[in-house]
Amino acid sequence: MNTGSELLNNLDKLHTTELGIERIRRNLSLDTDDVVAWCKTKIGSADAVITRNGKNWYVNVENCMITVNAYSYTIITAHKEKKSAVFTAKTKTNMLCDDIRYLTERALWETENLMKCIPDELWSKRYDGIPMWKFLYHTLYSMDRWYINPYDETYQNPSFHTDTLADLNVIPGEEYLSREQLEYYFYQIRDKIQSYIAGLSDSELSEKPENCDMSRFRLILGQFRHWHRHMGVIYGFIIEDAGKWAYVLNMLGKYPDAPMPNYY
């Protein structure tokens, strides 16, 4: 029985990115030119089981899981259901991964909001020789490399990356990354992380990714430590120079209805 009436009533709003189309088509081995239409049909079918967890809808239908952002109606990913890791909002055997999904979604929202809270006049301002944009890039690059598998042999740096661009021990010369470049990079990272955690099971947390000597759980916890430490640094710069406090969700706070940026 289908219970996700809010999602069903907004099927016309469903969309995805080019990366999302490629990912869904690859994950499900689809032979269709219109991935969004395919997803709409599956979500609207009588056999679809729809659950809501945090910012996302999860649609279990015909042995696949479709993940949709509940606010933007972006189809984040879809993948074949793993029998050993069936995800529902109340699956007790995946309680740890449910918490990881919940907190990661909140952290991703806070990161996007923080980026949009950086005033244009502070974007290139230097703090101890390092421009604001480099503090942000250091944060994003670490998320990109370390949240899933820092030893992934297929990983590709962003096109603008150089050896020292994310290194906070190196004061840049004329290098510069624009807000548009880093926002686009963030959305790529967000899509990748959301796709990864959508199908993650508790049993996989203790396993080590290929070529890596750390468990998936340690990598995720390590990134929360690093990620939020550097977000805190950027928060401090904004508060000191602009006198504004970027909004944070905390553990149970409500997602604001207003568009970003959001302040206290």
C-alpha atoms as a PDB file:
ATOM      1  CA  MET A   1       0.000   0.000   0.000  1.00  0.00           C
ATOM      2  CA  ASN A   2       1.340   3.437  -0.987  1.00  0.00           C
ATOM      3  CA  THR A   3       1.305   5.980   1.880  1.00  0.00           C
ATOM      4  CA  GLY A   4       3.547   8.798   0.595  1.00  0.00           C
ATOM      5  CA  SER A   5       0.702  11.096  -0.445  1.00  0.00           C
ATOM      6  CA  GLU A   6       2.830  14.247  -0.316  1.00  0.00           C
ATOM      7  CA  LEU A   7       5.337  12.783  -2.743  1.00  0.00           C
ATOM      8  CA  LEU A   8       2.634  11.335  -4.975  1.00  0.00           C
ATOM      9  CA  ASN A   9       0.868  14.680  -5.153  1.00  0.00           C
ATOM     10  CA  ASN A  10       4.062  16.315  -6.407  1.00  0.00           C
ATOM     11  CA  LEU A  11       5.281  13.820  -8.999  1.00  0.00           C
ATOM     12  CA  ASP A  12       5.294  16.581 -11.606  1.00  0.00           C
ATOM     13  CA  LYS A  13       8.056  18.337  -9.625  1.00  0.00           C
ATOM     14  CA  LEU A  14      10.466  15.396  -9.799  1.00  0.00           C
ATOM     15  CA  HIS A  15      13.747  16.102 -11.536  1.00  0.00           C
ATOM     16  CA  THR A  16      17.411  15.170 -11.297  1.00  0.00           C
ATOM     17  CA  THR A  17      20.852  16.281 -12.439  1.00  0.00           C
ATOM     18  CA  GLU A  18      22.909  14.996 -15.347  1.00  0.00           C
ATOM     19  CA  LEU A  19      25.067  13.134 -12.835  1.00  0.00           C
ATOM     20  CA  GLY A  20      21.927  11.716 -11.280  1.00  0.00           C
ATOM     21  CA  ILE A  21      20.684  10.452 -14.653  1.00  0.00           C
ATOM     22  CA  GLU A  22      23.990   8.712 -15.322  1.00  0.00           C
ATOM     23  CA  ARG A  23      24.128   7.220 -11.821  1.00  0.00           C
ATOM     24  CA  ILE A  24      20.551   5.904 -11.867  1.00  0.00           C
ATOM     25  CA  ARG A  25      20.881   4.494 -15.368  1.00  0.00           C
ATOM     26  CA  ARG A  26      24.124   2.735 -14.395  1.00  0.00           C
ATOM     27  CA  ASN A  27      22.924   1.468 -11.002  1.00  0.00           C
ATOM     28  CA  LEU A  28      19.757  -0.051 -12.439  1.00  0.00           C
ATOM     29  CA  SER A  29      21.093  -0.989 -15.890  1.00  0.00           C
ATOM     30  CA  LEU A  30      18.271   1.012 -17.454  1.00  0.00           C
ATOM     31  CA  ASP A  31      17.736   1.216 -21.193  1.00  0.00           C
ATOM     32  CA  THR A  32      15.678   4.388 -21.349  1.00  0.00           C
ATOM     33  CA  ASP A  33      16.274   7.958 -22.492  1.00  0.00           C
ATOM     34  CA  ASP A  34      13.943   9.433 -19.861  1.00  0.00           C
ATOM     35  CA  VAL A  35      15.128   8.356 -16.430  1.00  0.00           C
ATOM     36  CA  VAL A  36      12.907  10.882 -14.631  1.00  0.00           C
ATOM     37  CA  ALA A  37       9.767   9.563 -16.357  1.00  0.00           C
ATOM     38  CA  TRP A  38      10.797   6.011 -15.460  1.00  0.00           C
ATOM     39  CA  CYS A  39      11.160   6.991 -11.797  1.00  0.00           C
ATOM     40  CA  LYS A  40       7.807   8.794 -11.790  1.00  0.00           C
ATOM     41  CA  THR A  41       6.091   5.686 -13.118  1.00  0.00           C
ATOM     42  CA  LYS A  42       7.687   3.436 -10.503  1.00  0.00           C
ATOM     43  CA  ILE A  43       6.980   5.829  -7.615  1.00  0.00           C
ATOM     44  CA  GLY A  44       3.353   6.159  -8.687  1.00  0.00           C
ATOM     45  CA  SER A  45       2.760   2.447  -8.991  1.00  0.00           C
ATOM     46  CA  ALA A  46       0.500   0.620  -6.557  1.00  0.00           C
ATOM     47  CA  ASP A  47       3.375  -1.628  -5.442  1.00  0.00           C
ATOM     48  CA  ALA A  48       5.615   1.238  -4.283  1.00  0.00           C
ATOM     49  CA  VAL A  49       6.273   1.521  -0.541  1.00  0.00           C
ATOM     50  CA  ILE A  50       7.157   5.094   0.384  1.00  0.00           C
ATOM     51  CA  THR A  51       8.753   6.144   3.671  1.00  0.00           C
ATOM     52  CA  ARG A  52      10.089   9.493   4.887  1.00  0.00           C
ATOM     53  CA  ASN A  53      13.300   9.796   6.897  1.00  0.00           C
ATOM     54  CA  GLY A  54      14.701  13.268   7.557  1.00  0.00           C
ATOM     55  CA  LYS A  55      15.100  15.217   4.319  1.00  0.00           C
ATOM     56  CA  ASN A  56      14.475  12.291   2.002  1.00  0.00           C
ATOM     57  CA  TRP A  57      11.716  10.064   0.679  1.00  0.00           C
ATOM     58  CA  TYR A  58      12.702   6.418   0.149  1.00  0.00           C
ATOM     59  CA  VAL A  59      10.671   4.458  -2.405  1.00  0.00           C
ATOM     60  CA  ASN A  60      10.980   0.675  -2.358  1.00  0.00           C
ATOM     61  CA  VAL A  61       9.529  -0.782  -5.562  1.00  0.00           C
ATOM     62  CA  GLU A  62      10.260  -3.842  -7.705  1.00  0.00           C
ATOM     63  CA  ASN A  63      13.544  -4.659  -5.915  1.00  0.00           C
ATOM     64  CA  CYS A  64      14.988  -1.180  -6.222  1.00  0.00           C
ATOM     65  CA  MET A  65      15.249   1.828  -3.900  1.00  0.00           C
ATOM     66  CA  ILE A  66      14.668   5.363  -5.207  1.00  0.00           C
ATOM     67  CA  THR A  67      15.797   8.273  -3.013  1.00  0.00           C
ATOM     68  CA  VAL A  68      14.119  11.685  -3.439  1.00  0.00           C
ATOM     69  CA  ASN A  69      14.895  14.921  -1.594  1.00  0.00           C
ATOM     70  CA  ALA A  70      11.677  15.886   0.185  1.00  0.00           C
ATOM     71  CA  TYR A  71      12.203  19.623  -0.220  1.00  0.00           C
ATOM     72  CA  SER A  72      13.566  20.073  -3.743  1.00  0.00           C
ATOM     73  CA  TYR A  73      12.010  16.881  -5.226  1.00  0.00           C
ATOM     74  CA  THR A  74      15.395  16.019  -6.701  1.00  0.00           C
ATOM     75  CA  ILE A  75      15.815  12.310  -7.436  1.00  0.00           C
ATOM     76  CA  ILE A  76      19.132  11.777  -5.673  1.00  0.00           C
ATOM     77  CA  THR A  77      19.811   8.190  -6.632  1.00  0.00           C
ATOM     78  CA  ALA A  78      18.309   4.771  -7.241  1.00  0.00           C
ATOM     79  CA  HIS A  79      19.898   1.393  -6.764  1.00  0.00           C
ATOM     80  CA  LYS A  80      19.051  -2.270  -6.718  1.00  0.00           C
ATOM     81  CA  GLU A  81      17.900  -3.388  -3.306  1.00  0.00           C
ATOM     82  CA  LYS A  82      20.384  -5.416  -1.326  1.00  0.00           C
ATOM     83  CA  LYS A  83      18.615  -8.282   0.395  1.00  0.00           C
ATOM     84  CA  SER A  84      21.031  -8.046   3.282  1.00  0.00           C
ATOM     85  CA  ALA A  85      20.473  -4.329   3.695  1.00  0.00           C
ATOM     86  CA  VAL A  86      16.804  -3.565   3.122  1.00  0.00           C
ATOM     87  CA  PHE A  87      16.288   0.002   4.253  1.00  0.00           C
ATOM     88  CA  THR A  88      13.111   1.298   5.837  1.00  0.00           C
ATOM     89  CA  ALA A  89      12.680   4.133   8.270  1.00  0.00           C
ATOM     90  CA  LYS A  90      12.281   1.675  11.161  1.00  0.00           C
ATOM     91  CA  THR A  91      14.698  -1.121  10.335  1.00  0.00           C
ATOM     92  CA  LYS A  92      16.237  -1.937  13.707  1.00  0.00           C
ATOM     93  CA  THR A  93      19.162  -3.817  12.174  1.00  0.00           C
ATOM     94  CA  ASN A  94      20.236  -0.603  10.417  1.00  0.00           C
ATOM     95  CA  MET A  95      19.822   1.839  13.285  1.00  0.00           C
ATOM     96  CA  LEU A  96      23.402   3.107  13.011  1.00  0.00           C
ATOM     97  CA  CYS A  97      23.064   3.824   9.305  1.00  0.00           C
ATOM     98  CA  ASP A  98      19.714   5.501   9.881  1.00  0.00           C
ATOM     99  CA  ASP A  99      21.454   7.854  12.308  1.00  0.00           C
ATOM    100  CA  ILE A 100      24.311   8.423   9.873  1.00  0.00           C
ATOM    101  CA  ARG A 101      21.853   9.283   7.111  1.00  0.00           C
ATOM    102  CA  TYR A 102      19.901  11.601   9.408  1.00  0.00           C
ATOM    103  CA  LEU A 103      22.933  13.527  10.666  1.00  0.00           C
ATOM    104  CA  THR A 104      24.718  13.614   7.304  1.00  0.00           C
ATOM    105  CA  GLU A 105      21.662  15.188   5.657  1.00  0.00           C
ATOM    106  CA  ARG A 106      21.593  17.859   8.353  1.00  0.00           C
ATOM    107  CA  ALA A 107      25.310  18.502   8.023  1.00  0.00           C
ATOM    108  CA  LEU A 108      25.026  18.817   4.239  1.00  0.00           C
ATOM    109  CA  TRP A 109      22.225  21.359   4.638  1.00  0.00           C
ATOM    110  CA  GLU A 110      24.302  23.338   7.140  1.00  0.00           C
ATOM    111  CA  THR A 111      27.303  23.288   4.802  1.00  0.00           C
ATOM    112  CA  GLU A 112      25.314  24.640   1.873  1.00  0.00           C
ATOM    113  CA  ASN A 113      23.747  27.308   4.072  1.00  0.00           C
ATOM    114  CA  LEU A 114      27.147  28.305   5.482  1.00  0.00           C
ATOM    115  CA  MET A 115      28.585  28.674   1.970  1.00  0.00           C
ATOM    116  CA  LYS A 116      25.736  30.986   1.008  1.00  0.00           C
ATOM    117  CA  CYS A 117      26.213  32.993   4.232  1.00  0.00           C
ATOM    118  CA  ILE A 118      29.769  34.019   3.276  1.00  0.00           C
ATOM    119  CA  PRO A 119      29.507  37.674   2.156  1.00  0.00           C
ATOM    120  CA  ASP A 120      31.068  38.516  -1.203  1.00  0.00           C
ATOM    121  CA  GLU A 121      33.431  40.954   0.491  1.00  0.00           C
ATOM    122  CA  LEU A 122      34.825  38.167   2.681  1.00  0.00           C
ATOM    123  CA  TRP A 123      35.164  35.550  -0.063  1.00  0.00           C
ATOM    124  CA  SER A 124      38.808  36.425  -0.762  1.00  0.00           C
ATOM    125  CA  LYS A 125      39.679  38.047   2.555  1.00  0.00           C
ATOM    126  CA  ARG A 126      42.781  36.459   4.061  1.00  0.00           C
ATOM    127  CA  TYR A 127      43.034  35.068   7.557  1.00  0.00           C
ATOM    128  CA  ASP A 128      46.612  34.291   8.582  1.00  0.00           C
ATOM    129  CA  GLY A 129      47.441  34.524   4.889  1.00  0.00           C
ATOM    130  CA  ILE A 130      44.743  32.071   3.746  1.00  0.00           C
ATOM    131  CA  PRO A 131      41.714  33.404   1.803  1.00  0.00           C
ATOM    132  CA  MET A 132      38.230  32.430   2.956  1.00  0.00           C
ATOM    133  CA  TRP A 133      37.555  30.391  -0.185  1.00  0.00           C
ATOM    134  CA  LYS A 134      40.565  28.181   0.556  1.00  0.00           C
ATOM    135  CA  PHE A 135      39.287  27.307   4.032  1.00  0.00           C
ATOM    136  CA  LEU A 136      36.066  26.229   2.348  1.00  0.00           C
ATOM    137  CA  TYR A 137      37.813  24.262  -0.390  1.00  0.00           C
ATOM    138  CA  HIS A 138      39.942  22.456   2.194  1.00  0.00           C
ATOM    139  CA  THR A 139      36.727  21.376   3.946  1.00  0.00           C
ATOM    140  CA  LEU A 140      34.988  20.219   0.768  1.00  0.00           C
ATOM    141  CA  TYR A 141      38.010  18.421  -0.663  1.00  0.00           C
ATOM    142  CA  SER A 142      38.421  16.403   2.523  1.00  0.00           C
ATOM    143  CA  MET A 143      34.720  15.445   2.428  1.00  0.00           C
ATOM    144  CA  ASP A 144      35.125  14.363  -1.177  1.00  0.00           C
ATOM    145  CA  ARG A 145      38.227  12.261  -0.546  1.00  0.00           C
ATOM    146  CA  TRP A 146      37.713  10.825   2.930  1.00  0.00           C
ATOM    147  CA  TYR A 147      34.013  10.263   3.657  1.00  0.00           C
ATOM    148  CA  ILE A 148      33.801   7.173   1.424  1.00  0.00           C
ATOM    149  CA  ASN A 149      37.248   5.851   0.511  1.00  0.00           C
ATOM    150  CA  PRO A 150      40.452   7.938   0.361  1.00  0.00           C
ATOM    151  CA  TYR A 151      42.179   5.120  -1.550  1.00  0.00           C
ATOM    152  CA  ASP A 152      39.643   4.770  -4.329  1.00  0.00           C
ATOM    153  CA  GLU A 153      41.731   4.176  -7.454  1.00  0.00           C
ATOM    154  CA  THR A 154      38.973   5.583  -9.677  1.00  0.00           C
ATOM    155  CA  TYR A 155      38.809   8.928  -7.847  1.00  0.00           C
ATOM    156  CA  GLN A 156      39.392  12.017  -9.956  1.00  0.00           C
ATOM    157  CA  ASN A 157      40.270  15.430  -8.565  1.00  0.00           C
ATOM    158  CA  PRO A 158      38.102  18.355  -9.656  1.00  0.00           C
ATOM    159  CA  SER A 159      39.356  19.945 -12.858  1.00  0.00           C
ATOM    160  CA  PHE A 160      40.646  23.048 -11.047  1.00  0.00           C
ATOM    161  CA  HIS A 161      42.612  21.152  -8.382  1.00  0.00           C
ATOM    162  CA  THR A 162      46.358  21.576  -7.908  1.00  0.00           C
ATOM    163  CA  ASP A 163      48.685  19.819  -5.465  1.00  0.00           C
ATOM    164  CA  THR A 164      48.590  22.567  -2.827  1.00  0.00           C
ATOM    165  CA  LEU A 165      45.198  24.147  -3.486  1.00  0.00           C
ATOM    166  CA  ALA A 166      43.530  22.422  -0.511  1.00  0.00           C
ATOM    167  CA  ASP A 167      46.607  22.574   1.746  1.00  0.00           C
ATOM    168  CA  LEU A 168      46.126  25.133   4.537  1.00  0.00           C
ATOM    169  CA  ASN A 169      49.865  25.081   5.215  1.00  0.00           C
ATOM    170  CA  VAL A 170      50.486  26.718   1.826  1.00  0.00           C
ATOM    171  CA  ILE A 171      49.611  30.387   1.345  1.00  0.00           C
ATOM    172  CA  PRO A 172      48.289  30.827  -2.196  1.00  0.00           C
ATOM    173  CA  GLY A 173      49.583  33.371  -4.649  1.00  0.00           C
ATOM    174  CA  GLU A 174      47.277  34.307  -7.508  1.00  0.00           C
ATOM    175  CA  GLU A 175      45.145  31.147  -7.280  1.00  0.00           C
ATOM    176  CA  TYR A 176      41.421  31.764  -6.958  1.00  0.00           C
ATOM    177  CA  LEU A 177      38.239  29.694  -6.795  1.00  0.00           C
ATOM    178  CA  SER A 178      34.893  31.377  -7.341  1.00  0.00           C
ATOM    179  CA  ARG A 179      31.726  30.877  -5.347  1.00  0.00           C
ATOM    180  CA  GLU A 180      30.135  29.254  -8.413  1.00  0.00           C
ATOM    181  CA  GLN A 181      32.969  26.733  -8.732  1.00  0.00           C
ATOM    182  CA  LEU A 182      32.786  25.693  -5.084  1.00  0.00           C
ATOM    183  CA  GLU A 183      29.000  25.531  -4.974  1.00  0.00           C
ATOM    184  CA  TYR A 184      28.982  23.276  -8.044  1.00  0.00           C
ATOM    185  CA  TYR A 185      31.706  21.141  -6.458  1.00  0.00           C
ATOM    186  CA  PHE A 186      29.671  20.900  -3.241  1.00  0.00           C
ATOM    187  CA  TYR A 187      26.590  19.676  -5.142  1.00  0.00           C
ATOM    188  CA  GLN A 188      28.689  16.957  -6.788  1.00  0.00           C
ATOM    189  CA  ILE A 189      29.995  15.859  -3.378  1.00  0.00           C
ATOM    190  CA  ARG A 190      26.501  15.952  -1.885  1.00  0.00           C
ATOM    191  CA  ASP A 191      25.133  13.741  -4.662  1.00  0.00           C
ATOM    192  CA  LYS A 192      27.964  11.256  -4.206  1.00  0.00           C
ATOM    193  CA  ILE A 193      27.618  11.049  -0.417  1.00  0.00           C
ATOM    194  CA  GLN A 194      23.815  10.786  -0.527  1.00  0.00           C
ATOM    195  CA  SER A 195      24.045   7.995  -3.080  1.00  0.00           C
ATOM    196  CA  TYR A 196      26.603   6.161  -0.929  1.00  0.00           C
ATOM    197  CA  ILE A 197      24.694   6.310   2.362  1.00  0.00           C
ATOM    198  CA  ALA A 198      21.284   5.600   0.803  1.00  0.00           C
ATOM    199  CA  GLY A 199      22.091   1.895   0.513  1.00  0.00           C
ATOM    200  CA  LEU A 200      24.579   1.542   3.370  1.00  0.00           C
ATOM    201  CA  SER A 201      23.854  -1.128   6.004  1.00  0.00           C
ATOM    202  CA  ASP A 202      25.091  -1.515   9.559  1.00  0.00           C
ATOM    203  CA  SER A 203      26.886  -4.725   8.663  1.00  0.00           C
ATOM    204  CA  GLU A 204      28.999  -2.817   6.123  1.00  0.00           C
ATOM    205  CA  LEU A 205      30.185  -0.207   8.631  1.00  0.00           C
ATOM    206  CA  SER A 206      32.785  -2.511  10.154  1.00  0.00           C
ATOM    207  CA  GLU A 207      34.124  -3.470   6.721  1.00  0.00           C
ATOM    208  CA  LYS A 208      37.021  -1.684   5.040  1.00  0.00           C
ATOM    209  CA  PRO A 209      36.632  -0.179   1.566  1.00  0.00           C
ATOM    210  CA  GLU A 210      38.924  -1.534  -1.138  1.00  0.00           C
ATOM    211  CA  ASN A 211      42.621  -0.725  -0.567  1.00  0.00           C
ATOM    212  CA  CYS A 212      41.772   1.092   2.691  1.00  0.00           C
ATOM    213  CA  ASP A 213      43.029   0.189   6.178  1.00  0.00           C
ATOM    214  CA  MET A 214      40.151   1.931   7.991  1.00  0.00           C
ATOM    215  CA  SER A 215      36.542   0.849   8.428  1.00  0.00           C
ATOM    216  CA  ARG A 216      33.690   2.727   6.784  1.00  0.00           C
ATOM    217  CA  PHE A 217      32.490   3.738  10.248  1.00  0.00           C
ATOM    218  CA  ARG A 218      35.860   5.259  11.179  1.00  0.00           C
ATOM    219  CA  LEU A 219      36.023   7.163   7.892  1.00  0.00           C
ATOM    220  CA  ILE A 220      32.560   8.640   8.426  1.00  0.00           C
ATOM    221  CA  LEU A 221      33.211   9.595  12.059  1.00  0.00           C
ATOM    222  CA  GLY A 222      36.576  11.038  11.062  1.00  0.00           C
ATOM    223  CA  GLN A 223      34.939  13.241   8.472  1.00  0.00           C
ATOM    224  CA  PHE A 224      32.328  14.508  10.906  1.00  0.00           C
ATOM    225  CA  ARG A 225      35.209  15.497  13.197  1.00  0.00           C
ATOM    226  CA  HIS A 226      37.193  17.258  10.448  1.00  0.00           C
ATOM    227  CA  TRP A 227      34.234  18.630   8.515  1.00  0.00           C
ATOM    228  CA  HIS A 228      32.621  20.387  11.485  1.00  0.00           C
ATOM    229  CA  ARG A 229      35.900  21.650  12.900  1.00  0.00           C
ATOM    230  CA  HIS A 230      36.563  23.632   9.733  1.00  0.00           C
ATOM    231  CA  MET A 231      32.948  24.744   9.432  1.00  0.00           C
ATOM    232  CA  GLY A 232      33.395  26.190  12.926  1.00  0.00           C
ATOM    233  CA  VAL A 233      36.439  28.159  11.757  1.00  0.00           C
ATOM    234  CA  ILE A 234      34.429  29.657   8.879  1.00  0.00           C
ATOM    235  CA  TYR A 235      31.506  30.421  11.206  1.00  0.00           C
ATOM    236  CA  GLY A 236      33.941  32.332  13.433  1.00  0.00           C
ATOM    237  CA  PHE A 237      35.269  34.432  10.562  1.00  0.00           C
ATOM    238  CA  ILE A 238      31.742  35.403   9.477  1.00  0.00           C
ATOM    239  CA  ILE A 239      30.641  36.249  13.022  1.00  0.00           C
ATOM    240  CA  GLU A 240      33.736  38.361  13.656  1.00  0.00           C
ATOM    241  CA  ASP A 241      33.660  40.307  10.394  1.00  0.00           C
ATOM    242  CA  ALA A 242      29.959  40.430   9.461  1.00  0.00           C
ATOM    243  CA  GLY A 243      28.341  40.191  12.885  1.00  0.00           C
ATOM    244  CA  LYS A 244      25.941  37.508  11.640  1.00  0.00           C
ATOM    245  CA  TRP A 245      25.397  33.955  12.898  1.00  0.00           C
ATOM    246  CA  ALA A 246      24.704  31.406  10.165  1.00  0.00           C
ATOM    247  CA  TYR A 247      21.805  29.134  11.112  1.00  0.00           C
ATOM    248  CA  VAL A 248      22.510  25.572  12.274  1.00  0.00           C
ATOM    249  CA  LEU A 249      19.999  22.758  12.669  1.00  0.00           C
ATOM    250  CA  ASN A 250      21.421  21.134  15.798  1.00  0.00           C
ATOM    251  CA  MET A 251      20.160  17.611  16.541  1.00  0.00           C
ATOM    252  CA  LEU A 252      16.421  18.162  16.214  1.00  0.00           C
ATOM    253  CA  GLY A 253      15.979  21.676  14.815  1.00  0.00           C
ATOM    254  CA  LYS A 254      13.459  22.351  12.052  1.00  0.00           C
ATOM    255  CA  TYR A 255      14.641  22.952   8.508  1.00  0.00           C
ATOM    256  CA  PRO A 256      13.817  26.603   7.704  1.00  0.00           C
ATOM    257  CA  ASP A 257      11.127  27.235   5.118  1.00  0.00           C
ATOM    258  CA  ALA A 258      12.909  30.358   3.864  1.00  0.00           C
ATOM    259  CA  PRO A 259      15.479  30.067   1.055  1.00  0.00           C
ATOM    260  CA  MET A 260      19.175  30.122   1.901  1.00  0.00           C
ATOM    261  CA  PRO A 261      21.069  31.874   3.375  1.00  0.00           C
ATOM    262  CA  ASN A 262      19.480  31.538   6.779  1.00  0.00           C
ATOM    263  CA  TYR A 263      20.726  33.411   9.857  1.00  0.00           C
ATOM    264  CA  TYR A 264      19.696  33.539  13.488  1.00  0.00           C
END
